[in-house]
Amino acid sequence: MSKRRLDSVMKPVLCLIVLGLVACAATTLTDSWRNPGYKGPPLQKILVVGVSSQPDLRRNFEDTFVSQLKAVGVDAVPSYQFIPESGPAEQTRLKQAMKEAGCDGVLITRLVRVDVNTQVAPAYTGAGVGFYPAYAGAWSGYYDPPVVYQTNTIVLQTSLYGVNESQLLWSGTTHTFAPTDVKKDILDFAQLIVGSLQKQKLV
């Protein structure tokens, strides 16, 4: 294969590798805990609380989670309907919201941290395979420098509490790699958590 032909093949391949790594957003449940002492029935109505100082993000998160819970037959309400203001709410305010909503459970999700990942795609010299193509390519002067890019991993913690005894029923930590589409990432996250709660027979 000629050097020009090899270059035309390899450069798009390297670009696809880089773009593929950056765009492969995925949410995984990295660890979870279930209260072994809870023997009660699945919860019937849940207050969904997204801890965020961004009102639009909070509403989007809570609405998406509520819709996913209702999709599996669990009644749910977003907390912004009862606590519309931004910022932390007092304990009495949150308890009043749960009472007004008539919930037997509250689900709270908070941001733990954002991990920044730095990755490097190696340089390409157009050298080809074998010692002579490498030697000949060194004389050609063609060189694509390494590509350095960063991606974020969002780490969230989600906890489900039973209202009657204020006990923690379930808690899980998730990692979302390279988030790019907020609505889709929230939907994937909600589906993952709801599925996990179903497996634990909590909803």
N, C-alpha and C. Protein backbone atom coordinates (compact mmCIF):
# COMPACT_ATOMS: atom_id res chain seq x y z
N MET A 1 0.86 -1.19 0.00
CA MET A 1 0.00 0.00 0.00
C MET A 1 0.90 1.24 0.00
N SER A 2 0.59 2.22 -0.83
CA SER A 2 1.39 3.43 -0.92
C SER A 2 1.23 4.26 0.34
N LYS A 3 2.22 5.15 0.59
CA LYS A 3 2.18 6.00 1.77
C LYS A 3 0.93 6.88 1.74
N ARG A 4 0.64 7.46 0.55
CA ARG A 4 -0.53 8.34 0.45
C ARG A 4 -1.80 7.58 0.77
N ARG A 5 -1.91 6.34 0.25
CA ARG A 5 -3.08 5.52 0.50
C ARG A 5 -3.18 5.15 1.99
N LEU A 6 -2.04 4.83 2.59
CA LEU A 6 -2.03 4.47 4.00
C LEU A 6 -2.46 5.65 4.86
N ASP A 7 -1.96 6.84 4.53
CA ASP A 7 -2.33 8.04 5.28
C ASP A 7 -3.83 8.30 5.20
N SER A 8 -4.38 8.12 4.00
CA SER A 8 -5.81 8.40 3.81
C SER A 8 -6.68 7.42 4.59
N VAL A 9 -6.16 6.23 4.86
CA VAL A 9 -6.91 5.24 5.63
C VAL A 9 -6.74 5.47 7.12
N MET A 10 -5.49 5.71 7.56
CA MET A 10 -5.20 5.77 8.98
C MET A 10 -5.72 7.02 9.66
N LYS A 11 -5.66 8.18 8.99
CA LYS A 11 -6.08 9.42 9.64
C LYS A 11 -7.56 9.38 10.03
N PRO A 12 -8.50 8.95 9.15
CA PRO A 12 -9.89 8.85 9.58
C PRO A 12 -10.08 7.83 10.70
N VAL A 13 -9.28 6.74 10.68
CA VAL A 13 -9.41 5.73 11.72
C VAL A 13 -9.04 6.31 13.08
N LEU A 14 -7.94 7.07 13.13
CA LEU A 14 -7.53 7.69 14.38
C LEU A 14 -8.58 8.67 14.87
N CYS A 15 -9.16 9.44 13.95
CA CYS A 15 -10.22 10.39 14.32
C CYS A 15 -11.42 9.68 14.91
N LEU A 16 -11.80 8.54 14.31
CA LEU A 16 -12.95 7.79 14.81
C LEU A 16 -12.68 7.22 16.19
N ILE A 17 -11.45 6.78 16.44
CA ILE A 17 -11.10 6.26 17.75
C ILE A 17 -11.26 7.33 18.82
N VAL A 18 -10.73 8.51 18.52
CA VAL A 18 -10.81 9.62 19.48
C VAL A 18 -12.26 10.02 19.73
N LEU A 19 -13.02 10.20 18.65
CA LEU A 19 -14.42 10.61 18.80
C LEU A 19 -15.23 9.54 19.52
N GLY A 20 -14.92 8.28 19.24
CA GLY A 20 -15.64 7.19 19.90
C GLY A 20 -15.41 7.17 21.39
N LEU A 21 -14.18 7.41 21.81
CA LEU A 21 -13.87 7.43 23.23
C LEU A 21 -14.56 8.59 23.93
N VAL A 22 -14.62 9.72 23.28
CA VAL A 22 -15.22 10.91 23.89
C VAL A 22 -16.73 10.78 23.98
N ALA A 23 -17.36 10.13 23.00
CA ALA A 23 -18.82 10.14 22.91
C ALA A 23 -19.50 8.95 23.57
N CYS A 24 -18.75 8.05 24.20
CA CYS A 24 -19.39 6.83 24.70
C CYS A 24 -19.88 7.01 26.13
N ALA A 25 -20.78 7.96 26.35
CA ALA A 25 -21.34 8.20 27.68
C ALA A 25 -22.10 6.98 28.14
N ALA A 26 -21.88 6.61 29.41
CA ALA A 26 -22.57 5.45 29.97
C ALA A 26 -22.63 5.61 31.47
N THR A 27 -23.73 5.16 32.06
CA THR A 27 -23.89 5.21 33.51
C THR A 27 -23.84 3.80 34.07
N THR A 28 -23.03 3.60 35.10
CA THR A 28 -22.92 2.30 35.75
C THR A 28 -23.12 2.47 37.25
N LEU A 29 -23.74 1.45 37.85
CA LEU A 29 -23.91 1.40 39.30
C LEU A 29 -22.68 0.71 39.87
N THR A 30 -21.81 1.47 40.51
CA THR A 30 -20.53 0.91 40.95
C THR A 30 -20.61 0.23 42.31
N ASP A 31 -21.52 0.66 43.16
CA ASP A 31 -21.73 -0.05 44.43
C ASP A 31 -23.10 0.33 44.98
N SER A 32 -23.66 -0.55 45.79
CA SER A 32 -24.97 -0.30 46.38
C SER A 32 -25.11 -1.09 47.68
N TRP A 33 -26.06 -0.65 48.49
CA TRP A 33 -26.33 -1.29 49.78
C TRP A 33 -27.82 -1.30 50.02
N ARG A 34 -28.32 -2.42 50.53
CA ARG A 34 -29.74 -2.53 50.89
C ARG A 34 -29.85 -2.84 52.37
N ASN A 35 -30.77 -2.18 53.03
CA ASN A 35 -30.98 -2.42 54.45
C ASN A 35 -31.51 -3.85 54.64
N PRO A 36 -30.70 -4.73 55.25
CA PRO A 36 -31.13 -6.12 55.40
C PRO A 36 -32.27 -6.28 56.40
N GLY A 37 -32.47 -5.27 57.25
CA GLY A 37 -33.52 -5.38 58.25
C GLY A 37 -34.89 -4.96 57.76
N TYR A 38 -34.96 -4.39 56.55
CA TYR A 38 -36.25 -3.94 56.04
C TYR A 38 -37.00 -5.11 55.42
N LYS A 39 -38.11 -5.46 56.03
CA LYS A 39 -38.93 -6.57 55.54
C LYS A 39 -40.30 -6.10 55.05
N GLY A 40 -40.49 -4.80 55.03
CA GLY A 40 -41.79 -4.26 54.67
C GLY A 40 -42.11 -4.39 53.19
N PRO A 41 -43.30 -4.00 52.80
CA PRO A 41 -43.71 -4.09 51.39
C PRO A 41 -43.01 -3.01 50.56
N PRO A 42 -43.06 -3.15 49.23
CA PRO A 42 -42.50 -2.11 48.36
C PRO A 42 -43.19 -0.77 48.62
N LEU A 43 -42.45 0.30 48.45
CA LEU A 43 -43.01 1.64 48.67
C LEU A 43 -44.05 1.95 47.60
N GLN A 44 -45.05 2.72 47.99
CA GLN A 44 -46.17 3.01 47.09
C GLN A 44 -46.10 4.40 46.46
N LYS A 45 -45.53 5.36 47.20
CA LYS A 45 -45.46 6.72 46.68
C LYS A 45 -44.16 7.37 47.16
N ILE A 46 -43.40 7.91 46.22
CA ILE A 46 -42.06 8.41 46.54
C ILE A 46 -41.93 9.89 46.16
N LEU A 47 -41.33 10.64 47.07
CA LEU A 47 -40.98 12.03 46.80
C LEU A 47 -39.57 12.03 46.22
N VAL A 48 -39.42 12.56 45.01
CA VAL A 48 -38.12 12.57 44.33
C VAL A 48 -37.44 13.92 44.55
N VAL A 49 -36.22 13.88 45.09
CA VAL A 49 -35.47 15.09 45.39
C VAL A 49 -34.14 15.07 44.65
N GLY A 50 -33.96 16.03 43.76
CA GLY A 50 -32.68 16.19 43.09
C GLY A 50 -31.97 17.38 43.72
N VAL A 51 -30.83 17.15 44.36
CA VAL A 51 -30.11 18.23 45.03
C VAL A 51 -29.27 18.98 44.00
N SER A 52 -29.73 20.16 43.62
CA SER A 52 -29.02 20.96 42.62
C SER A 52 -29.39 22.43 42.81
N SER A 53 -28.41 23.30 42.60
CA SER A 53 -28.66 24.74 42.68
C SER A 53 -29.14 25.30 41.34
N GLN A 54 -29.25 24.43 40.33
CA GLN A 54 -29.72 24.84 39.01
C GLN A 54 -31.18 24.42 38.86
N PRO A 55 -32.12 25.36 38.91
CA PRO A 55 -33.54 25.03 38.88
C PRO A 55 -33.96 24.18 37.67
N ASP A 56 -33.48 24.53 36.48
CA ASP A 56 -33.87 23.79 35.28
C ASP A 56 -33.37 22.35 35.33
N LEU A 57 -32.14 22.16 35.78
CA LEU A 57 -31.58 20.82 35.89
C LEU A 57 -32.34 20.00 36.92
N ARG A 58 -32.67 20.63 38.02
CA ARG A 58 -33.42 19.94 39.07
C ARG A 58 -34.80 19.49 38.58
N ARG A 59 -35.51 20.39 37.90
CA ARG A 59 -36.84 20.05 37.40
C ARG A 59 -36.76 18.92 36.37
N ASN A 60 -35.79 19.00 35.48
CA ASN A 60 -35.62 17.96 34.47
C ASN A 60 -35.35 16.62 35.12
N PHE A 61 -34.44 16.63 36.11
CA PHE A 61 -34.09 15.39 36.81
C PHE A 61 -35.29 14.80 37.52
N GLU A 62 -35.98 15.61 38.32
CA GLU A 62 -37.09 15.10 39.11
C GLU A 62 -38.24 14.63 38.23
N ASP A 63 -38.56 15.38 37.17
CA ASP A 63 -39.64 14.98 36.27
C ASP A 63 -39.32 13.66 35.57
N THR A 64 -38.09 13.50 35.14
CA THR A 64 -37.69 12.27 34.46
C THR A 64 -37.79 11.09 35.41
N PHE A 65 -37.30 11.27 36.63
CA PHE A 65 -37.34 10.18 37.60
C PHE A 65 -38.78 9.80 37.95
N VAL A 66 -39.63 10.81 38.12
CA VAL A 66 -41.03 10.55 38.42
C VAL A 66 -41.69 9.75 37.30
N SER A 67 -41.40 10.11 36.06
CA SER A 67 -42.01 9.40 34.93
C SER A 67 -41.54 7.95 34.88
N GLN A 68 -40.29 7.70 35.21
CA GLN A 68 -39.77 6.34 35.18
C GLN A 68 -40.35 5.50 36.32
N LEU A 69 -40.56 6.09 37.47
CA LEU A 69 -41.20 5.36 38.56
C LEU A 69 -42.65 5.04 38.22
N LYS A 70 -43.35 6.01 37.65
CA LYS A 70 -44.74 5.76 37.27
C LYS A 70 -44.84 4.71 36.17
N ALA A 71 -43.83 4.62 35.34
CA ALA A 71 -43.83 3.64 34.25
C ALA A 71 -43.81 2.21 34.78
N VAL A 72 -43.32 2.02 36.01
CA VAL A 72 -43.30 0.67 36.60
C VAL A 72 -44.37 0.53 37.67
N GLY A 73 -45.31 1.47 37.70
CA GLY A 73 -46.46 1.35 38.59
C GLY A 73 -46.29 1.94 39.97
N VAL A 74 -45.27 2.79 40.15
CA VAL A 74 -45.05 3.41 41.46
C VAL A 74 -45.42 4.88 41.37
N ASP A 75 -46.28 5.34 42.25
CA ASP A 75 -46.65 6.75 42.26
C ASP A 75 -45.47 7.57 42.77
N ALA A 76 -45.27 8.74 42.22
CA ALA A 76 -44.14 9.59 42.61
C ALA A 76 -44.47 11.04 42.30
N VAL A 77 -43.83 11.95 43.05
CA VAL A 77 -44.03 13.37 42.83
C VAL A 77 -42.67 14.07 42.94
N PRO A 78 -42.46 15.13 42.16
CA PRO A 78 -41.21 15.88 42.26
C PRO A 78 -41.24 16.84 43.44
N SER A 79 -40.10 17.02 44.09
CA SER A 79 -40.06 17.86 45.28
C SER A 79 -40.26 19.34 44.97
N TYR A 80 -39.96 19.76 43.73
CA TYR A 80 -40.07 21.19 43.42
C TYR A 80 -41.52 21.68 43.48
N GLN A 81 -42.48 20.76 43.42
CA GLN A 81 -43.87 21.17 43.55
C GLN A 81 -44.19 21.65 44.96
N PHE A 82 -43.39 21.19 45.93
CA PHE A 82 -43.63 21.55 47.33
C PHE A 82 -42.53 22.45 47.88
N ILE A 83 -41.33 22.35 47.30
CA ILE A 83 -40.21 23.21 47.70
C ILE A 83 -39.65 23.83 46.42
N PRO A 84 -40.29 24.88 45.90
CA PRO A 84 -39.89 25.45 44.62
C PRO A 84 -38.61 26.28 44.69
N GLU A 85 -38.26 26.78 45.86
CA GLU A 85 -37.10 27.66 45.96
C GLU A 85 -35.80 26.87 45.83
N SER A 86 -34.75 27.58 45.37
CA SER A 86 -33.43 26.97 45.25
C SER A 86 -32.74 26.97 46.61
N GLY A 87 -31.69 26.17 46.72
CA GLY A 87 -30.94 26.13 47.97
C GLY A 87 -31.48 25.08 48.92
N PRO A 88 -30.74 24.83 50.00
CA PRO A 88 -31.14 23.80 50.95
C PRO A 88 -32.40 24.19 51.72
N ALA A 89 -33.24 23.19 52.00
CA ALA A 89 -34.47 23.40 52.78
C ALA A 89 -34.23 22.95 54.22
N GLU A 90 -34.89 23.63 55.15
CA GLU A 90 -34.81 23.23 56.56
C GLU A 90 -35.49 21.87 56.74
N GLN A 91 -35.11 21.16 57.81
CA GLN A 91 -35.67 19.84 58.08
C GLN A 91 -37.19 19.87 58.17
N THR A 92 -37.70 20.88 58.86
CA THR A 92 -39.15 20.98 59.00
C THR A 92 -39.83 21.21 57.66
N ARG A 93 -39.16 21.95 56.78
CA ARG A 93 -39.70 22.23 55.44
C ARG A 93 -39.79 20.95 54.64
N LEU A 94 -38.73 20.12 54.71
CA LEU A 94 -38.72 18.87 53.96
C LEU A 94 -39.75 17.89 54.51
N LYS A 95 -39.86 17.83 55.83
CA LYS A 95 -40.84 16.94 56.44
C LYS A 95 -42.26 17.36 56.07
N GLN A 96 -42.50 18.66 56.03
CA GLN A 96 -43.81 19.16 55.65
C GLN A 96 -44.14 18.81 54.21
N ALA A 97 -43.13 18.88 53.34
CA ALA A 97 -43.33 18.53 51.93
C ALA A 97 -43.71 17.05 51.79
N MET A 98 -43.02 16.18 52.54
CA MET A 98 -43.33 14.76 52.48
C MET A 98 -44.74 14.48 53.00
N LYS A 99 -45.14 15.23 54.04
CA LYS A 99 -46.48 15.05 54.59
C LYS A 99 -47.54 15.50 53.60
N GLU A 100 -47.30 16.66 52.98
CA GLU A 100 -48.26 17.18 52.01
C GLU A 100 -48.38 16.26 50.79
N ALA A 101 -47.26 15.67 50.40
CA ALA A 101 -47.26 14.79 49.23
C ALA A 101 -47.88 13.44 49.54
N GLY A 102 -47.97 13.09 50.82
CA GLY A 102 -48.54 11.80 51.20
C GLY A 102 -47.67 10.64 50.80
N CYS A 103 -46.36 10.80 50.91
CA CYS A 103 -45.41 9.76 50.47
C CYS A 103 -45.01 8.85 51.62
N ASP A 104 -44.68 7.62 51.25
CA ASP A 104 -44.12 6.70 52.25
C ASP A 104 -42.61 6.49 52.02
N GLY A 105 -42.05 7.22 51.05
CA GLY A 105 -40.62 7.13 50.80
C GLY A 105 -40.11 8.40 50.14
N VAL A 106 -38.82 8.67 50.33
CA VAL A 106 -38.20 9.82 49.68
C VAL A 106 -36.87 9.37 49.08
N LEU A 107 -36.66 9.75 47.84
CA LEU A 107 -35.45 9.39 47.12
C LEU A 107 -34.64 10.66 46.86
N ILE A 108 -33.39 10.67 47.32
CA ILE A 108 -32.53 11.85 47.23
C ILE A 108 -31.28 11.52 46.44
N THR A 109 -31.00 12.34 45.43
CA THR A 109 -29.78 12.17 44.63
C THR A 109 -28.93 13.43 44.75
N ARG A 110 -27.64 13.23 45.02
CA ARG A 110 -26.72 14.36 45.15
C ARG A 110 -25.44 14.10 44.36
N LEU A 111 -24.78 15.18 43.98
CA LEU A 111 -23.49 15.09 43.31
C LEU A 111 -22.40 14.84 44.34
N VAL A 112 -21.58 13.82 44.10
CA VAL A 112 -20.45 13.52 44.98
C VAL A 112 -19.20 14.26 44.50
N ARG A 113 -18.90 14.10 43.21
CA ARG A 113 -17.72 14.78 42.65
C ARG A 113 -17.74 14.63 41.13
N VAL A 114 -16.86 15.37 40.48
CA VAL A 114 -16.63 15.24 39.05
C VAL A 114 -15.16 14.86 38.84
N ASP A 115 -14.93 13.69 38.29
CA ASP A 115 -13.57 13.24 37.99
C ASP A 115 -13.20 13.66 36.58
N VAL A 116 -12.04 14.29 36.42
CA VAL A 116 -11.56 14.70 35.11
C VAL A 116 -10.53 13.68 34.61
N ASN A 117 -10.81 13.10 33.45
CA ASN A 117 -9.93 12.08 32.88
C ASN A 117 -9.18 12.65 31.67
N THR A 118 -7.88 12.54 31.67
CA THR A 118 -7.06 12.99 30.55
C THR A 118 -6.54 11.77 29.80
N GLN A 119 -6.79 11.75 28.48
CA GLN A 119 -6.35 10.63 27.64
C GLN A 119 -5.61 11.16 26.42
N VAL A 120 -4.72 10.32 25.90
CA VAL A 120 -3.90 10.72 24.77
C VAL A 120 -3.99 9.67 23.66
N ALA A 121 -4.34 10.13 22.44
CA ALA A 121 -4.27 9.28 21.26
C ALA A 121 -2.86 9.43 20.69
N PRO A 122 -2.15 8.32 20.45
CA PRO A 122 -0.75 8.41 20.05
C PRO A 122 -0.56 9.13 18.71
N ALA A 123 0.64 9.65 18.53
CA ALA A 123 0.99 10.33 17.28
C ALA A 123 1.00 9.34 16.13
N TYR A 124 0.77 9.86 14.91
CA TYR A 124 0.81 9.03 13.70
C TYR A 124 1.79 9.65 12.72
N THR A 125 2.74 8.84 12.28
CA THR A 125 3.78 9.35 11.38
C THR A 125 3.60 8.91 9.95
N GLY A 126 2.60 8.06 9.70
CA GLY A 126 2.42 7.55 8.34
C GLY A 126 3.50 6.56 7.95
N ALA A 127 4.12 5.92 8.96
CA ALA A 127 5.27 5.07 8.69
C ALA A 127 4.90 3.73 8.09
N GLY A 128 3.69 3.26 8.32
CA GLY A 128 3.33 1.96 7.80
C GLY A 128 3.83 0.85 8.71
N VAL A 129 3.81 -0.39 8.20
CA VAL A 129 4.19 -1.56 8.98
C VAL A 129 5.52 -2.09 8.47
N GLY A 130 6.41 -2.44 9.40
CA GLY A 130 7.71 -2.97 9.00
C GLY A 130 8.80 -1.92 9.10
N PHE A 131 10.07 -2.40 9.12
CA PHE A 131 11.16 -1.47 9.37
C PHE A 131 11.40 -0.51 8.21
N TYR A 132 11.25 -1.00 6.94
CA TYR A 132 11.56 -0.08 5.84
C TYR A 132 10.50 1.01 5.69
N PRO A 133 9.19 0.68 5.78
CA PRO A 133 8.21 1.76 5.74
C PRO A 133 8.43 2.78 6.87
N ALA A 134 8.87 2.28 8.03
CA ALA A 134 9.16 3.20 9.13
C ALA A 134 10.33 4.11 8.77
N TYR A 135 11.35 3.53 8.14
CA TYR A 135 12.52 4.30 7.72
C TYR A 135 12.15 5.32 6.64
N ALA A 136 11.40 4.86 5.64
CA ALA A 136 11.02 5.74 4.54
C ALA A 136 10.08 6.84 5.04
N GLY A 137 9.17 6.48 5.96
CA GLY A 137 8.25 7.47 6.49
C GLY A 137 8.95 8.55 7.28
N ALA A 138 10.08 8.17 7.92
CA ALA A 138 10.83 9.16 8.70
C ALA A 138 11.40 10.26 7.81
N TRP A 139 11.68 9.91 6.53
CA TRP A 139 12.22 10.90 5.59
C TRP A 139 11.11 11.79 4.99
N SER A 140 9.89 11.30 5.07
CA SER A 140 8.80 12.03 4.39
C SER A 140 8.43 13.32 5.10
N GLY A 141 8.66 13.35 6.40
CA GLY A 141 8.35 14.56 7.16
C GLY A 141 6.90 14.63 7.61
N TYR A 142 6.07 13.63 7.23
CA TYR A 142 4.66 13.66 7.64
C TYR A 142 4.52 13.27 9.10
N TYR A 143 3.70 14.02 9.84
CA TYR A 143 3.57 13.75 11.27
C TYR A 143 2.26 14.33 11.79
N ASP A 144 1.46 13.49 12.44
CA ASP A 144 0.28 13.96 13.16
C ASP A 144 0.60 13.89 14.64
N PRO A 145 0.56 15.00 15.36
CA PRO A 145 0.92 14.99 16.78
C PRO A 145 -0.10 14.22 17.61
N PRO A 146 0.27 13.83 18.81
CA PRO A 146 -0.70 13.17 19.70
C PRO A 146 -1.89 14.08 19.97
N VAL A 147 -3.04 13.47 20.14
CA VAL A 147 -4.25 14.22 20.45
C VAL A 147 -4.56 14.04 21.94
N VAL A 148 -4.58 15.15 22.67
CA VAL A 148 -4.87 15.12 24.10
C VAL A 148 -6.28 15.66 24.31
N TYR A 149 -7.10 14.92 25.05
CA TYR A 149 -8.46 15.37 25.30
C TYR A 149 -8.86 14.96 26.71
N GLN A 150 -9.86 15.65 27.23
CA GLN A 150 -10.33 15.40 28.59
C GLN A 150 -11.81 15.05 28.58
N THR A 151 -12.18 14.15 29.46
CA THR A 151 -13.57 13.79 29.64
C THR A 151 -13.89 13.82 31.13
N ASN A 152 -15.16 14.04 31.43
CA ASN A 152 -15.59 14.08 32.83
C ASN A 152 -16.35 12.82 33.19
N THR A 153 -16.21 12.40 34.42
CA THR A 153 -17.02 11.32 34.97
C THR A 153 -17.80 11.90 36.15
N ILE A 154 -19.13 11.86 36.05
CA ILE A 154 -19.99 12.41 37.09
C ILE A 154 -20.32 11.30 38.10
N VAL A 155 -19.99 11.54 39.35
CA VAL A 155 -20.25 10.56 40.41
C VAL A 155 -21.42 11.05 41.26
N LEU A 156 -22.49 10.26 41.30
CA LEU A 156 -23.69 10.62 42.06
C LEU A 156 -23.99 9.56 43.12
N GLN A 157 -24.60 10.03 44.19
CA GLN A 157 -25.08 9.11 45.22
C GLN A 157 -26.59 9.25 45.35
N THR A 158 -27.29 8.12 45.33
CA THR A 158 -28.74 8.12 45.44
C THR A 158 -29.14 7.29 46.66
N SER A 159 -30.03 7.84 47.47
CA SER A 159 -30.46 7.16 48.70
C SER A 159 -31.98 7.14 48.77
N LEU A 160 -32.52 6.00 49.19
CA LEU A 160 -33.97 5.85 49.35
C LEU A 160 -34.27 5.65 50.83
N TYR A 161 -35.15 6.50 51.35
CA TYR A 161 -35.52 6.43 52.76
C TYR A 161 -37.00 6.08 52.90
N GLY A 162 -37.30 5.34 53.96
CA GLY A 162 -38.69 5.09 54.33
C GLY A 162 -39.14 6.21 55.26
N VAL A 163 -40.26 6.83 54.96
CA VAL A 163 -40.70 7.99 55.73
C VAL A 163 -41.16 7.60 57.13
N ASN A 164 -41.86 6.50 57.27
CA ASN A 164 -42.47 6.15 58.55
C ASN A 164 -41.45 6.04 59.68
N GLU A 165 -40.32 5.42 59.42
CA GLU A 165 -39.32 5.25 60.47
C GLU A 165 -38.03 6.02 60.16
N SER A 166 -38.07 6.84 59.10
CA SER A 166 -36.91 7.64 58.68
C SER A 166 -35.65 6.78 58.54
N GLN A 167 -35.81 5.58 58.03
CA GLN A 167 -34.66 4.69 57.91
C GLN A 167 -34.18 4.60 56.46
N LEU A 168 -32.87 4.47 56.32
CA LEU A 168 -32.27 4.30 55.00
C LEU A 168 -32.55 2.88 54.51
N LEU A 169 -33.19 2.79 53.35
CA LEU A 169 -33.53 1.47 52.80
C LEU A 169 -32.52 1.01 51.75
N TRP A 170 -31.99 1.97 50.99
CA TRP A 170 -31.08 1.61 49.89
C TRP A 170 -30.21 2.81 49.56
N SER A 171 -28.97 2.54 49.17
CA SER A 171 -28.09 3.61 48.73
C SER A 171 -27.18 3.06 47.65
N GLY A 172 -26.92 3.88 46.63
CA GLY A 172 -26.06 3.43 45.53
C GLY A 172 -25.25 4.58 44.97
N THR A 173 -24.07 4.24 44.44
CA THR A 173 -23.19 5.22 43.81
C THR A 173 -23.08 4.89 42.33
N THR A 174 -23.23 5.90 41.50
CA THR A 174 -23.14 5.71 40.05
C THR A 174 -22.04 6.58 39.46
N HIS A 175 -21.50 6.09 38.34
CA HIS A 175 -20.51 6.85 37.57
C HIS A 175 -21.06 7.03 36.15
N THR A 176 -21.13 8.26 35.70
CA THR A 176 -21.54 8.55 34.32
C THR A 176 -20.33 9.09 33.58
N PHE A 177 -19.85 8.30 32.61
CA PHE A 177 -18.64 8.67 31.87
C PHE A 177 -18.98 9.55 30.67
N ALA A 178 -18.25 10.65 30.53
CA ALA A 178 -18.35 11.54 29.37
C ALA A 178 -19.79 11.93 29.04
N PRO A 179 -20.51 12.56 29.97
CA PRO A 179 -21.88 12.99 29.66
C PRO A 179 -21.90 14.05 28.57
N THR A 180 -22.78 13.87 27.61
CA THR A 180 -22.86 14.81 26.48
C THR A 180 -24.28 15.31 26.24
N ASP A 181 -25.27 14.52 26.61
CA ASP A 181 -26.67 14.87 26.38
C ASP A 181 -27.39 14.77 27.72
N VAL A 182 -27.69 15.91 28.34
CA VAL A 182 -28.22 15.92 29.70
C VAL A 182 -29.52 15.12 29.81
N LYS A 183 -30.45 15.34 28.89
CA LYS A 183 -31.74 14.64 28.97
C LYS A 183 -31.58 13.13 28.84
N LYS A 184 -30.76 12.70 27.89
CA LYS A 184 -30.55 11.27 27.71
C LYS A 184 -29.80 10.66 28.89
N ASP A 185 -28.81 11.38 29.40
CA ASP A 185 -28.03 10.88 30.53
C ASP A 185 -28.90 10.74 31.77
N ILE A 186 -29.79 11.71 32.00
CA ILE A 186 -30.70 11.62 33.15
C ILE A 186 -31.65 10.45 32.99
N LEU A 187 -32.17 10.26 31.77
CA LEU A 187 -33.08 9.15 31.51
C LEU A 187 -32.39 7.82 31.75
N ASP A 188 -31.19 7.65 31.24
CA ASP A 188 -30.44 6.40 31.44
C ASP A 188 -30.19 6.18 32.93
N PHE A 189 -29.84 7.25 33.64
CA PHE A 189 -29.58 7.16 35.07
C PHE A 189 -30.84 6.72 35.81
N ALA A 190 -31.97 7.36 35.52
CA ALA A 190 -33.23 7.04 36.20
C ALA A 190 -33.63 5.59 35.94
N GLN A 191 -33.50 5.14 34.71
CA GLN A 191 -33.86 3.75 34.39
C GLN A 191 -32.98 2.76 35.14
N LEU A 192 -31.70 3.09 35.27
CA LEU A 192 -30.78 2.22 35.99
C LEU A 192 -31.15 2.12 37.47
N ILE A 193 -31.42 3.26 38.10
CA ILE A 193 -31.74 3.26 39.53
C ILE A 193 -33.09 2.58 39.79
N VAL A 194 -34.09 2.91 39.00
CA VAL A 194 -35.41 2.30 39.18
C VAL A 194 -35.33 0.79 39.00
N GLY A 195 -34.58 0.34 38.01
CA GLY A 195 -34.40 -1.10 37.81
C GLY A 195 -33.74 -1.76 39.00
N SER A 196 -32.76 -1.09 39.59
CA SER A 196 -32.08 -1.64 40.77
C SER A 196 -33.02 -1.72 41.97
N LEU A 197 -33.86 -0.71 42.15
CA LEU A 197 -34.81 -0.71 43.25
C LEU A 197 -35.86 -1.80 43.06
N GLN A 198 -36.24 -2.06 41.82
CA GLN A 198 -37.17 -3.15 41.55
C GLN A 198 -36.56 -4.50 41.91
N LYS A 199 -35.32 -4.70 41.55
CA LYS A 199 -34.65 -5.97 41.86
C LYS A 199 -34.56 -6.20 43.36
N GLN A 200 -34.44 -5.11 44.11
CA GLN A 200 -34.37 -5.23 45.57
C GLN A 200 -35.76 -5.26 46.21
N LYS A 201 -36.81 -5.23 45.38
CA LYS A 201 -38.20 -5.29 45.83
C LYS A 201 -38.54 -4.15 46.79
N LEU A 202 -37.98 -2.98 46.48
CA LEU A 202 -38.28 -1.79 47.27
C LEU A 202 -39.33 -0.92 46.61
N VAL A 203 -39.55 -1.10 45.31
CA VAL A 203 -40.61 -0.39 44.59
C VAL A 203 -41.35 -1.40 43.72
